[in-house]
C-alpha atoms as a PDB file:
ATOM      1  CA  MET A   1      -0.001  -0.027  -0.074  1.00  0.00           C
ATOM      2  CA  SER A   2       1.417   3.241  -1.149  1.00  0.00           C
ATOM      3  CA  ALA A   3       1.985   6.068   1.326  1.00  0.00           C
ATOM      4  CA  ASP A   4       0.899   8.461  -1.444  1.00  0.00           C
ATOM      5  CA  LEU A   5      -2.320   6.746  -1.836  1.00  0.00           C
ATOM      6  CA  VAL A   6      -2.911   6.830   2.008  1.00  0.00           C
ATOM      7  CA  ALA A   7      -2.257  10.536   1.838  1.00  0.00           C
ATOM      8  CA  VAL A   8      -4.813  10.924  -0.951  1.00  0.00           C
ATOM      9  CA  VAL A   9      -7.491   9.134   1.057  1.00  0.00           C
ATOM     10  CA  ASP A  10      -6.579  11.174   4.103  1.00  0.00           C
ATOM     11  CA  ARG A  11      -7.039  14.429   2.213  1.00  0.00           C
ATOM     12  CA  VAL A  12     -10.554  13.232   1.028  1.00  0.00           C
ATOM     13  CA  LEU A  13     -11.504  12.114   4.473  1.00  0.00           C
ATOM     14  CA  PHE A  14     -10.552  15.516   5.950  1.00  0.00           C
ATOM     15  CA  ALA A  15     -12.060  17.571   3.123  1.00  0.00           C
ATOM     16  CA  ARG A  16     -15.313  15.584   2.552  1.00  0.00           C
ATOM     17  CA  TRP A  17     -16.097  13.330   5.532  1.00  0.00           C
ATOM     18  CA  ASP A  18     -14.942  15.243   8.700  1.00  0.00           C
ATOM     19  CA  PRO A  19     -17.445  13.913  11.221  1.00  0.00           C
ATOM     20  CA  LEU A  20     -15.756  15.843  13.868  1.00  0.00           C
ATOM     21  CA  GLY A  21     -15.881  19.269  12.112  1.00  0.00           C
ATOM     22  CA  VAL A  22     -12.210  19.842  12.525  1.00  0.00           C
ATOM     23  CA  ARG A  23     -11.790  21.296   8.925  1.00  0.00           C
ATOM     24  CA  HIS A  24     -13.151  24.540  10.058  1.00  0.00           C
ATOM     25  CA  ASP A  25     -11.116  24.653  13.343  1.00  0.00           C
ATOM     26  CA  ASP A  26      -7.721  26.375  12.786  1.00  0.00           C
ATOM     27  CA  GLN A  27      -6.697  24.982  16.257  1.00  0.00           C
ATOM     28  CA  ALA A  28      -7.501  21.244  15.408  1.00  0.00           C
ATOM     29  CA  PRO A  29      -4.852  18.938  14.190  1.00  0.00           C
ATOM     30  CA  ARG A  30      -4.897  18.464  10.454  1.00  0.00           C
ATOM     31  CA  ASP A  31      -4.050  14.623  10.854  1.00  0.00           C
ATOM     32  CA  GLU A  32      -7.250  13.865  12.645  1.00  0.00           C
ATOM     33  CA  TYR A  33      -8.242  11.216  10.187  1.00  0.00           C
ATOM     34  CA  GLU A  34      -4.911   9.945   9.081  1.00  0.00           C
ATOM     35  CA  GLY A  35      -5.303   6.792  11.126  1.00  0.00           C
ATOM     36  CA  TYR A  36      -8.392   5.680   9.348  1.00  0.00           C
ATOM     37  CA  ALA A  37      -7.049   6.288   5.797  1.00  0.00           C
ATOM     38  CA  ALA A  38      -5.229   3.024   5.232  1.00  0.00           C
ATOM     39  CA  GLY A  39      -8.309   0.962   6.246  1.00  0.00           C
ATOM     40  CA  VAL A  40     -10.469   2.921   3.823  1.00  0.00           C
ATOM     41  CA  LEU A  41      -7.890   2.672   1.015  1.00  0.00           C
ATOM     42  CA  ALA A  42      -7.663  -1.080   1.710  1.00  0.00           C
ATOM     43  CA  LEU A  43     -11.328  -1.434   1.110  1.00  0.00           C
ATOM     44  CA  VAL A  44     -11.146   0.596  -2.081  1.00  0.00           C
ATOM     45  CA  LEU A  45      -8.138  -1.412  -3.443  1.00  0.00           C
ATOM     46  CA  ALA A  46     -10.152  -4.611  -2.573  1.00  0.00           C
ATOM     47  CA  HIS A  47     -12.965  -3.308  -4.868  1.00  0.00           C
ATOM     48  CA  ALA A  48     -15.388  -3.077  -2.028  1.00  0.00           C
ATOM     49  CA  SER A  49     -18.725  -1.309  -2.864  1.00  0.00           C
ATOM     50  CA  ASP A  50     -19.442   2.238  -1.801  1.00  0.00           C
ATOM     51  CA  ASP A  51     -21.945   0.694   0.544  1.00  0.00           C
ATOM     52  CA  VAL A  52     -19.240  -1.325   2.286  1.00  0.00           C
ATOM     53  CA  VAL A  53     -17.013   1.816   2.495  1.00  0.00           C
ATOM     54  CA  ALA A  54     -19.895   3.862   3.803  1.00  0.00           C
ATOM     55  CA  GLU A  55     -20.748   1.200   6.399  1.00  0.00           C
ATOM     56  CA  HIS A  56     -16.966   1.206   7.445  1.00  0.00           C
ATOM     57  CA  LEU A  57     -17.032   4.935   7.819  1.00  0.00           C
ATOM     58  CA  ALA A  58     -20.277   4.615  10.062  1.00  0.00           C
ATOM     59  CA  ARG A  59     -18.488   2.089  12.292  1.00  0.00           C
ATOM     60  CA  LEU A  60     -15.526   4.367  12.783  1.00  0.00           C
ATOM     61  CA  GLU A  61     -17.884   7.265  13.603  1.00  0.00           C
ATOM     62  CA  ASP A  62     -19.859   5.077  16.111  1.00  0.00           C
ATOM     63  CA  ARG A  63     -17.300   2.895  17.730  1.00  0.00           C
ATOM     64  CA  TRP A  64     -14.002   4.980  17.553  1.00  0.00           C
ATOM     65  CA  MET A  65     -15.443   8.541  17.745  1.00  0.00           C
ATOM     66  CA  GLY A  66     -18.587   7.855  19.836  1.00  0.00           C
ATOM     67  CA  LEU A  67     -20.748   9.853  17.329  1.00  0.00           C
ATOM     68  CA  ALA A  68     -23.917   9.123  15.673  1.00  0.00           C
ATOM     69  CA  PRO A  69     -23.009   8.054  12.100  1.00  0.00           C
ATOM     70  CA  THR A  70     -23.500  10.827   9.338  1.00  0.00           C
ATOM     71  CA  PRO A  71     -26.289  10.330   6.888  1.00  0.00           C
ATOM     72  CA  LEU A  72     -25.780   7.385   4.476  1.00  0.00           C
ATOM     73  CA  ALA A  73     -25.851   9.632   1.488  1.00  0.00           C
ATOM     74  CA  ARG A  74     -23.107  11.726   2.704  1.00  0.00           C
ATOM     75  CA  ARG A  75     -20.990   8.544   3.470  1.00  0.00           C
ATOM     76  CA  LEU A  76     -21.696   7.064   0.018  1.00  0.00           C
ATOM     77  CA  ALA A  77     -20.548  10.402  -1.491  1.00  0.00           C
ATOM     78  CA  VAL A  78     -17.345  10.308   0.414  1.00  0.00           C
ATOM     79  CA  ALA A  79     -16.747   6.697  -0.629  1.00  0.00           C
ATOM     80  CA  ALA A  80     -17.265   7.677  -4.198  1.00  0.00           C
ATOM     81  CA  ALA A  81     -14.988  10.637  -3.878  1.00  0.00           C
ATOM     82  CA  VAL A  82     -12.214   8.281  -2.185  1.00  0.00           C
ATOM     83  CA  ARG A  83     -12.569   5.856  -5.171  1.00  0.00           C
ATOM     84  CA  GLU A  84     -12.328   8.644  -7.691  1.00  0.00           C
ATOM     85  CA  ALA A  85      -9.371  10.278  -5.917  1.00  0.00           C
ATOM     86  CA  VAL A  86      -7.604   6.732  -5.738  1.00  0.00           C
ATOM     87  CA  ARG A  87      -8.213   6.063  -9.418  1.00  0.00           C
ATOM     88  CA  ASP A  88      -7.011   9.410 -10.465  1.00  0.00           C
ATOM     89  CA  ALA A  89      -3.719   9.304  -8.411  1.00  0.00           C
END
């Protein structure tokens, strides 16, 4: 797994997913979602469907962040954006 691709996924998660809302907080760490990027990338590289990636994001929000999952439509859009970014990288 390429560190460059992990960085691509991290950028998409920060820009498009951001369930903690840190993107708009100048004091928040930029690497907030870096630890999740490799797992999301692994799913995309394994050709998991956007539904599977979206469910993975929901589990991260629920189990790791203690948040109610973001709406499914938003998580599906993030999954599609990650897939596109990886394809274009």
